[in-house]
Protein backbone atom coordinates (compact mmCIF):
# COMPACT_ATOMS: atom_id res chain seq x y z
CA UNK A 1 -0.01 0.02 -0.03
CA UNK A 2 1.21 3.65 -0.68
CA UNK A 3 2.98 5.28 2.30
CA UNK A 4 0.44 7.12 4.56
CA UNK A 5 -2.59 5.00 3.66
CA UNK A 6 -2.22 2.51 6.59
CA UNK A 7 -1.98 -1.16 6.38
CA UNK A 8 -4.03 -4.39 6.53
CA UNK A 9 -2.54 -7.43 8.07
CA UNK A 10 -3.41 -10.81 9.66
CA UNK A 11 -2.50 -12.13 13.10
CA UNK A 12 -1.42 -15.65 13.67
CA UNK A 13 -4.29 -17.64 15.20
CA UNK A 14 -6.91 -15.01 14.21
CA UNK A 15 -9.33 -15.54 11.34
CA UNK A 16 -10.07 -11.79 10.92
CA UNK A 17 -7.93 -9.05 9.26
CA UNK A 18 -6.58 -6.11 11.26
CA UNK A 19 -5.93 -2.58 10.17
CA UNK A 20 -3.22 -0.09 11.25
CA UNK A 21 -3.29 3.63 10.78
CA UNK A 22 -1.86 6.74 12.38
CA UNK A 23 -3.32 9.75 14.22
CA UNK A 24 -0.99 12.50 15.32
CA UNK A 25 1.94 10.16 14.65
CA UNK A 26 0.53 7.60 17.09
CA UNK A 27 -0.19 4.06 15.55
CA UNK A 28 -3.60 2.67 16.09
CA UNK A 29 -4.45 -1.00 15.49
CA UNK A 30 -7.94 -2.26 15.18
CA UNK A 31 -9.74 -5.47 14.25
CA UNK A 32 -11.78 -5.19 11.07
CA UNK A 33 -14.14 -7.85 12.31
CA UNK A 34 -14.02 -9.66 9.00
CA UNK A 35 -11.72 -11.81 6.94
CA UNK A 36 -12.56 -9.99 3.76
CA UNK A 37 -10.02 -7.57 2.37
CA UNK A 38 -12.69 -5.21 1.02
CA UNK A 39 -14.34 -4.94 4.39
CA UNK A 40 -11.03 -4.12 6.02
CA UNK A 41 -10.20 -1.54 3.29
CA UNK A 42 -13.60 0.12 3.78
CA UNK A 43 -13.07 0.43 7.52
CA UNK A 44 -9.51 1.83 6.86
CA UNK A 45 -10.99 4.51 4.61
CA UNK A 46 -13.59 5.37 7.10
CA UNK A 47 -11.01 5.87 9.86
CA UNK A 48 -8.92 8.15 7.70
CA UNK A 49 -11.98 10.12 6.71
CA UNK A 50 -12.93 10.63 10.39
CA UNK A 51 -9.32 11.72 11.23
CA UNK A 52 -9.36 14.30 8.31
CA UNK A 53 -12.71 15.71 9.22
CA UNK A 54 -11.94 15.93 12.92
CA UNK A 55 -14.73 13.55 13.93
CA UNK A 56 -12.49 10.53 14.81
CA UNK A 57 -13.40 8.88 18.06
CA UNK A 58 -10.83 6.31 19.40
CA UNK A 59 -12.22 2.89 20.01
CA UNK A 60 -11.67 2.93 23.74
CA UNK A 61 -13.43 6.32 23.92
CA UNK A 62 -16.41 5.00 22.01
CA UNK A 63 -16.72 2.07 24.42
CA UNK A 64 -16.63 4.20 27.57
CA UNK A 65 -19.80 3.71 29.60
CA UNK A 66 -21.39 6.31 31.86
CA UNK A 67 -21.26 4.01 34.90
CA UNK A 68 -17.54 4.05 34.57
CA UNK A 69 -17.55 7.82 34.72
CA UNK A 70 -19.66 7.67 37.94
CA UNK A 71 -17.33 5.14 39.53
CA UNK A 72 -14.35 7.43 38.72
CA UNK A 73 -16.09 10.46 40.27
CA UNK A 74 -17.04 8.38 43.41
CA UNK A 75 -13.46 7.23 43.75
CA UNK A 76 -12.30 10.84 43.48
CA UNK A 77 -14.68 11.87 46.27
CA UNK A 78 -13.54 9.05 48.56
CA UNK A 79 -9.86 9.62 47.82
CA UNK A 80 -10.19 13.31 48.74
CA UNK A 81 -12.31 12.52 51.86
CA UNK A 82 -15.31 14.42 50.69
CA UNK A 83 -18.15 14.40 53.14
CA UNK A 84 -20.66 14.50 50.34
CA UNK A 85 -19.95 10.90 49.09
CA UNK A 86 -23.30 9.63 50.45
CA UNK A 87 -25.08 12.52 48.62
CA UNK A 88 -23.36 11.65 45.37
CA UNK A 89 -24.12 8.01 45.72
CA UNK A 90 -27.78 8.66 46.35
CA UNK A 91 -28.05 11.02 43.39
CA UNK A 92 -26.38 8.43 41.07
CA UNK A 93 -28.30 5.44 42.19
CA UNK A 94 -31.79 6.95 42.64
CA UNK A 95 -31.93 9.29 39.61
CA UNK A 96 -28.89 9.49 37.29
CA UNK A 97 -28.24 5.82 36.94
CA UNK A 98 -31.79 4.77 35.97
CA UNK A 99 -31.68 7.36 33.10
CA UNK A 100 -28.07 7.29 31.96
CA UNK A 101 -26.72 4.07 33.43
CA UNK A 102 -27.22 1.89 30.25
CA UNK A 103 -25.54 4.47 27.92
CA UNK A 104 -22.08 4.98 26.47
CA UNK A 105 -20.60 8.36 27.30
CA UNK A 106 -20.60 9.60 23.69
CA UNK A 107 -24.39 9.02 23.58
CA UNK A 108 -25.02 11.65 26.23
CA UNK A 109 -26.01 14.85 24.40
CA UNK A 110 -27.40 18.22 25.49
CA UNK A 111 -30.72 17.15 24.13
CA UNK A 112 -30.75 13.94 26.23
CA UNK A 113 -29.84 15.96 29.38
CA UNK A 114 -32.82 18.22 28.69
CA UNK A 115 -35.01 15.17 28.40
CA UNK A 116 -33.69 14.11 31.85
CA UNK A 117 -34.54 17.59 33.24
CA UNK A 118 -38.07 17.27 31.89
CA UNK A 119 -38.50 13.88 33.50
CA UNK A 120 -37.29 15.07 36.91
CA UNK A 121 -39.55 18.11 36.75
CA UNK A 122 -42.49 15.86 35.99
CA UNK A 123 -41.48 13.89 39.15
CA UNK A 124 -41.88 17.16 41.06
CA UNK A 125 -38.17 17.45 41.74
CA UNK A 126 -37.17 21.07 42.64
CA UNK A 127 -34.72 22.96 40.45
CA UNK A 128 -32.11 23.07 43.20
CA UNK A 129 -32.28 19.27 43.49
CA UNK A 130 -31.98 18.84 39.76
CA UNK A 131 -29.05 21.26 39.60
CA UNK A 132 -27.16 19.15 42.14
CA UNK A 133 -27.67 16.08 39.90
CA UNK A 134 -26.67 18.01 36.79
CA UNK A 135 -23.54 19.31 38.57
CA UNK A 136 -22.53 15.68 39.43
CA UNK A 137 -23.08 14.56 35.79
CA UNK A 138 -21.03 17.50 34.53
CA UNK A 139 -18.30 16.74 36.92
CA UNK A 140 -18.25 13.05 35.74
CA UNK A 141 -17.64 14.10 32.22
CA UNK A 142 -15.12 16.89 33.14
CA UNK A 143 -13.06 14.34 35.16
CA UNK A 144 -13.11 11.88 32.30
CA UNK A 145 -11.94 14.58 29.88
CA UNK A 146 -9.05 15.42 32.13
CA UNK A 147 -7.84 11.85 32.63
CA UNK A 148 -4.74 10.47 30.96
CA UNK A 149 -5.44 9.28 28.34
CA UNK A 150 -8.84 11.12 28.06
CA UNK A 151 -11.83 8.69 28.35
CA UNK A 152 -14.07 11.10 26.31
CA UNK A 153 -13.45 13.56 23.53
CA UNK A 154 -15.84 16.30 24.74
CA UNK A 155 -18.09 17.33 27.63
CA UNK A 156 -21.72 17.90 26.58
CA UNK A 157 -23.15 21.28 27.37
CA UNK A 158 -25.21 21.05 30.47
CA UNK A 159 -27.32 24.15 31.33
CA UNK A 160 -28.16 24.72 35.01
CA UNK A 161 -31.72 25.68 36.05
CA UNK A 162 -32.86 28.87 37.75
CA UNK A 163 -33.31 28.04 41.43
CA UNK A 164 -36.38 29.56 43.16
CA UNK A 165 -37.33 27.11 45.75
CA UNK A 166 -38.25 29.53 48.52
CA UNK A 167 -41.98 29.59 48.94
CA UNK A 168 -43.59 32.98 49.96
CA UNK A 169 -47.03 34.29 50.70
CA UNK A 170 -47.91 32.17 53.75
CA UNK A 171 -47.19 34.83 56.26
CA UNK A 172 -47.05 38.56 56.23
CA UNK A 173 -43.73 40.06 57.36
CA UNK A 174 -45.22 41.26 60.62
CA UNK A 175 -46.76 37.80 61.37
CA UNK A 176 -43.48 36.10 60.50
CA UNK A 177 -41.52 38.30 62.91
CA UNK A 178 -43.93 37.76 65.71
CA UNK A 179 -43.94 33.97 65.36
CA UNK A 180 -40.14 33.92 64.89
CA UNK A 181 -39.65 35.87 68.13
CA UNK A 182 -42.01 33.49 69.97
CA UNK A 183 -40.18 30.41 68.65
CA UNK A 184 -36.83 31.89 69.66
CA UNK A 185 -38.04 32.20 73.26
CA UNK A 186 -38.62 28.36 73.27
CA UNK A 187 -35.23 27.54 71.92
CA UNK A 188 -32.76 27.63 69.03
CA UNK A 189 -34.07 24.38 67.39
CA UNK A 190 -37.67 25.67 67.55
CA UNK A 191 -36.57 28.88 65.84
CA UNK A 192 -34.71 26.87 63.10
CA UNK A 193 -37.61 24.49 62.54
CA UNK A 194 -39.94 27.41 62.15
CA UNK A 195 -37.62 29.20 59.64
CA UNK A 196 -37.11 26.00 57.59
CA UNK A 197 -40.85 25.28 57.63
CA UNK A 198 -41.79 28.83 56.48
CA UNK A 199 -39.07 28.94 53.84
CA UNK A 200 -39.81 25.58 52.13
CA UNK A 201 -43.33 24.80 53.13
CA UNK A 202 -42.43 21.39 54.56
CA UNK A 203 -44.79 19.31 56.66
CA UNK A 204 -44.17 19.19 60.40
CA UNK A 205 -43.38 15.47 60.11
CA UNK A 206 -40.57 16.25 57.65
CA UNK A 207 -39.30 18.99 59.91
CA UNK A 208 -39.29 16.93 63.08
CA UNK A 209 -37.54 14.05 61.40
CA UNK A 210 -34.54 16.18 60.24
CA UNK A 211 -31.17 14.94 61.39
CA UNK A 212 -27.75 16.62 61.43
CA UNK A 213 -26.51 14.13 58.70
CA UNK A 214 -29.04 15.59 56.26
CA UNK A 215 -27.59 19.13 56.46
CA UNK A 216 -24.59 19.84 54.23
CA UNK A 217 -23.16 23.19 55.18
CA UNK A 218 -20.35 22.99 52.70
CA UNK A 219 -22.77 22.53 49.76
CA UNK A 220 -25.48 24.70 51.50
CA UNK A 221 -28.16 22.10 51.11
CA UNK A 222 -30.72 20.23 53.17
CA UNK A 223 -31.70 16.73 52.10
CA UNK A 224 -34.85 14.76 52.78
CA UNK A 225 -34.35 11.03 52.46
CA UNK A 226 -36.51 8.88 50.17
CA UNK A 227 -39.34 7.44 52.19
CA UNK A 228 -39.60 10.32 54.64
CA UNK A 229 -41.67 12.61 52.35
CA UNK A 230 -45.27 12.57 51.41
CA UNK A 231 -44.60 11.09 47.98
CA UNK A 232 -41.72 8.88 49.28
CA UNK A 233 -39.20 10.63 47.02
CA UNK A 234 -36.05 12.22 48.20
CA UNK A 235 -35.79 15.99 48.11
CA UNK A 236 -32.98 18.54 48.35
CA UNK A 237 -33.07 22.30 48.69
CA UNK A 238 -30.50 25.12 48.82
CA UNK A 239 -30.32 27.00 52.14
CA UNK A 240 -31.23 30.69 52.33
CA UNK A 241 -28.87 32.84 54.37
CA UNK A 242 -31.29 32.99 57.51
CA UNK A 243 -31.73 29.16 57.40
CA UNK A 244 -28.09 28.49 57.03
CA UNK A 245 -27.19 30.86 59.93
CA UNK A 246 -29.62 29.08 62.27
CA UNK A 247 -28.69 25.54 61.23
CA UNK A 248 -25.00 26.34 61.63
CA UNK A 249 -25.65 27.08 65.27
CA UNK A 250 -27.81 23.99 65.67
CA UNK A 251 -25.40 21.48 64.24
CA UNK A 252 -22.20 22.93 65.72
CA UNK A 253 -20.38 20.14 67.53
CA UNK A 254 -22.95 17.47 66.43
CA UNK A 255 -22.40 14.56 63.98
CA UNK A 256 -25.78 12.79 63.77
């Protein structure tokens, strides 16, 4: 074959032909999956065409699965001792994995992510919760892109949602202040429970069941576990400044 057009060869003990070509001076060898020379030549031309057009995807990249990216991110969290490992595991297992877990990484597109958002909103997930899930997905792809060698060629564009989880209109400002003062006289936890309840409109059963482990001060979120809400689905919200200030005092020195 003319120089620069690759080569077709056979391997002892194999019934199929192999092809060899170069990208950026690096040799790449690949099985043609056939014993026919014409089939091997066609695959070789396809590979050179993809390299010329900039659409070439290495075989190992094409085979990378989304669950592999999730495992890499979880490993990175554990290695760095991040306290949010349980949060990430829950987001992956409960929501991201059922939707993306059967896909190859190259199959995840902006349009597919939009479909995921639509599904989560139909499930009544709040924008703040969806954003945490999207952030995890985006981080999976960014980490894979930065690995050596890269496990993916590109990171899909993932747009974040506007967060407006705070519910208003239940109390007038004067009423709120009066009740807040009364709760503060009872104690710090009562004041905090009142503020969380007014801010997010949660039921008293959900408020009374809150534990320190469900409050992530670093991420600024509060998580309700699956099975503890009215529809049995987990929920996560971003803290407002008043809520965070109160909960910071409540959880100080506590671990559970």
